[in-house]
C-alpha atoms as a PDB file:
ATOM      1  CA  MET A   1      -7.800  -0.242  12.162  1.00  0.00           C
ATOM      2  CA  ALA A   2     -10.558   0.436   9.755  1.00  0.00           C
ATOM      3  CA  VAL A   3      -8.420   2.970   7.589  1.00  0.00           C
ATOM      4  CA  LYS A   4      -5.727   0.505   7.212  1.00  0.00           C
ATOM      5  CA  ARG A   5      -7.806  -2.287   6.138  1.00  0.00           C
ATOM      6  CA  ALA A   6      -9.693   0.113   3.594  1.00  0.00           C
ATOM      7  CA  LEU A   7      -6.001   1.350   2.268  1.00  0.00           C
ATOM      8  CA  ALA A   8      -4.823  -2.440   2.095  1.00  0.00           C
ATOM      9  CA  ARG A   9      -7.891  -3.354   0.186  1.00  0.00           C
ATOM     10  CA  GLN A  10      -7.329  -0.510  -2.193  1.00  0.00           C
ATOM     11  CA  MET A  11      -3.976  -0.910  -2.523  1.00  0.00           C
ATOM     12  CA  GLU A  12      -4.349  -4.621  -3.415  1.00  0.00           C
ATOM     13  CA  GLN A  13      -7.288  -3.863  -6.104  1.00  0.00           C
ATOM     14  CA  SER A  14      -5.000  -1.486  -7.801  1.00  0.00           C
ATOM     15  CA  ARG A  15      -2.008  -3.677  -7.971  1.00  0.00           C
ATOM     16  CA  GLN A  16      -4.078  -6.360  -9.564  1.00  0.00           C
ATOM     17  CA  ALA A  17      -5.749  -4.059 -11.710  1.00  0.00           C
ATOM     18  CA  ARG A  18      -2.385  -2.862 -13.051  1.00  0.00           C
ATOM     19  CA  GLY A  19      -1.495  -6.477 -13.581  1.00  0.00           C
ATOM     20  CA  LEU A  20       1.707  -5.849 -10.989  1.00  0.00           C
ATOM     21  CA  SER A  21       3.064  -8.908  -9.404  1.00  0.00           C
ATOM     22  CA  LYS A  22       3.888  -8.441  -5.498  1.00  0.00           C
ATOM     23  CA  SER A  23       7.543  -8.820  -6.475  1.00  0.00           C
ATOM     24  CA  ALA A  24       7.188  -6.228  -8.962  1.00  0.00           C
ATOM     25  CA  MET A  25       5.283  -3.732  -6.792  1.00  0.00           C
ATOM     26  CA  GLY A  26       8.014  -4.369  -4.145  1.00  0.00           C
ATOM     27  CA  GLN A  27      10.823  -3.348  -6.346  1.00  0.00           C
ATOM     28  CA  ARG A  28       9.100  -0.388  -7.122  1.00  0.00           C
ATOM     29  CA  ILE A  29       8.684   0.654  -3.584  1.00  0.00           C
ATOM     30  CA  GLY A  30      12.174  -0.499  -2.938  1.00  0.00           C
ATOM     31  CA  THR A  31      11.420  -3.051  -0.588  1.00  0.00           C
ATOM     32  CA  GLY A  32      11.373  -7.099  -0.481  1.00  0.00           C
ATOM     33  CA  ARG A  33       8.194  -9.356  -0.597  1.00  0.00           C
ATOM     34  CA  PRO A  34       7.736 -10.144   3.068  1.00  0.00           C
ATOM     35  CA  ARG A  35       7.448  -6.253   3.968  1.00  0.00           C
ATOM     36  CA  LEU A  36       5.201  -5.823   1.239  1.00  0.00           C
ATOM     37  CA  ASP A  37       2.847  -8.309   2.555  1.00  0.00           C
ATOM     38  CA  ARG A  38       2.973  -6.656   5.753  1.00  0.00           C
ATOM     39  CA  LEU A  39       1.863  -3.786   4.109  1.00  0.00           C
ATOM     40  CA  LEU A  40      -0.963  -5.225   2.235  1.00  0.00           C
ATOM     41  CA  ASP A  41      -2.036  -6.963   5.125  1.00  0.00           C
ATOM     42  CA  PRO A  42      -5.260  -5.615   6.428  1.00  0.00           C
ATOM     43  CA  THR A  43      -4.911  -6.056  10.073  1.00  0.00           C
ATOM     44  CA  ASN A  44      -0.998  -5.081  10.450  1.00  0.00           C
ATOM     45  CA  THR A  45      -1.207  -1.508  11.605  1.00  0.00           C
ATOM     46  CA  GLN A  46       2.409  -1.150  12.118  1.00  0.00           C
ATOM     47  CA  VAL A  47       3.038   1.042   8.676  1.00  0.00           C
ATOM     48  CA  GLN A  48       4.515   4.197   8.410  1.00  0.00           C
ATOM     49  CA  LEU A  49       3.292   7.107   6.289  1.00  0.00           C
ATOM     50  CA  ASN A  50       6.317   7.195   3.847  1.00  0.00           C
ATOM     51  CA  THR A  51       6.121   3.564   3.152  1.00  0.00           C
ATOM     52  CA  LEU A  52       2.015   4.164   2.459  1.00  0.00           C
ATOM     53  CA  GLN A  53       3.034   7.330   0.091  1.00  0.00           C
ATOM     54  CA  ARG A  54       5.825   5.152  -1.716  1.00  0.00           C
ATOM     55  CA  ALA A  55       3.240   2.428  -2.304  1.00  0.00           C
ATOM     56  CA  ALA A  56       0.699   5.068  -3.615  1.00  0.00           C
ATOM     57  CA  THR A  57       3.567   6.248  -6.000  1.00  0.00           C
ATOM     58  CA  ALA A  58       4.350   3.023  -7.132  1.00  0.00           C
ATOM     59  CA  LEU A  59       0.690   2.170  -8.224  1.00  0.00           C
ATOM     60  CA  GLY A  60       0.145   5.711  -9.902  1.00  0.00           C
ATOM     61  CA  SER A  61      -2.068   7.117  -7.245  1.00  0.00           C
ATOM     62  CA  LYS A  62      -1.619   9.646  -4.702  1.00  0.00           C
ATOM     63  CA  LEU A  63      -1.997   9.327  -0.649  1.00  0.00           C
ATOM     64  CA  VAL A  64      -4.398  11.831   0.793  1.00  0.00           C
ATOM     65  CA  LEU A  65      -4.723  12.233   4.573  1.00  0.00           C
ATOM     66  CA  GLY A  66      -6.749  14.869   6.366  1.00  0.00           C
ATOM     67  CA  LEU A  67      -9.005  15.799   9.095  1.00  0.00           C
ATOM     68  CA  VAL A  68     -12.550  16.372   8.621  1.00  0.00           C
ATOM     69  CA  SER A  69     -14.922  18.181  11.227  1.00  0.00           C
END
């Protein structure tokens, strides 16, 4: 859950820094406001990787995942 909290915080900060409303970000992702609210909710862990990827692209960022040993 810590990863989702961190991602949600980063996405929200990036959205605000770019001056995007939640509605505008939802349009860029191709989803409605309720689904975007769930994506940005740090306690909601039910999110798909493709949704995170679309959100990153909408914010002009890349989603990078990896394992570290």
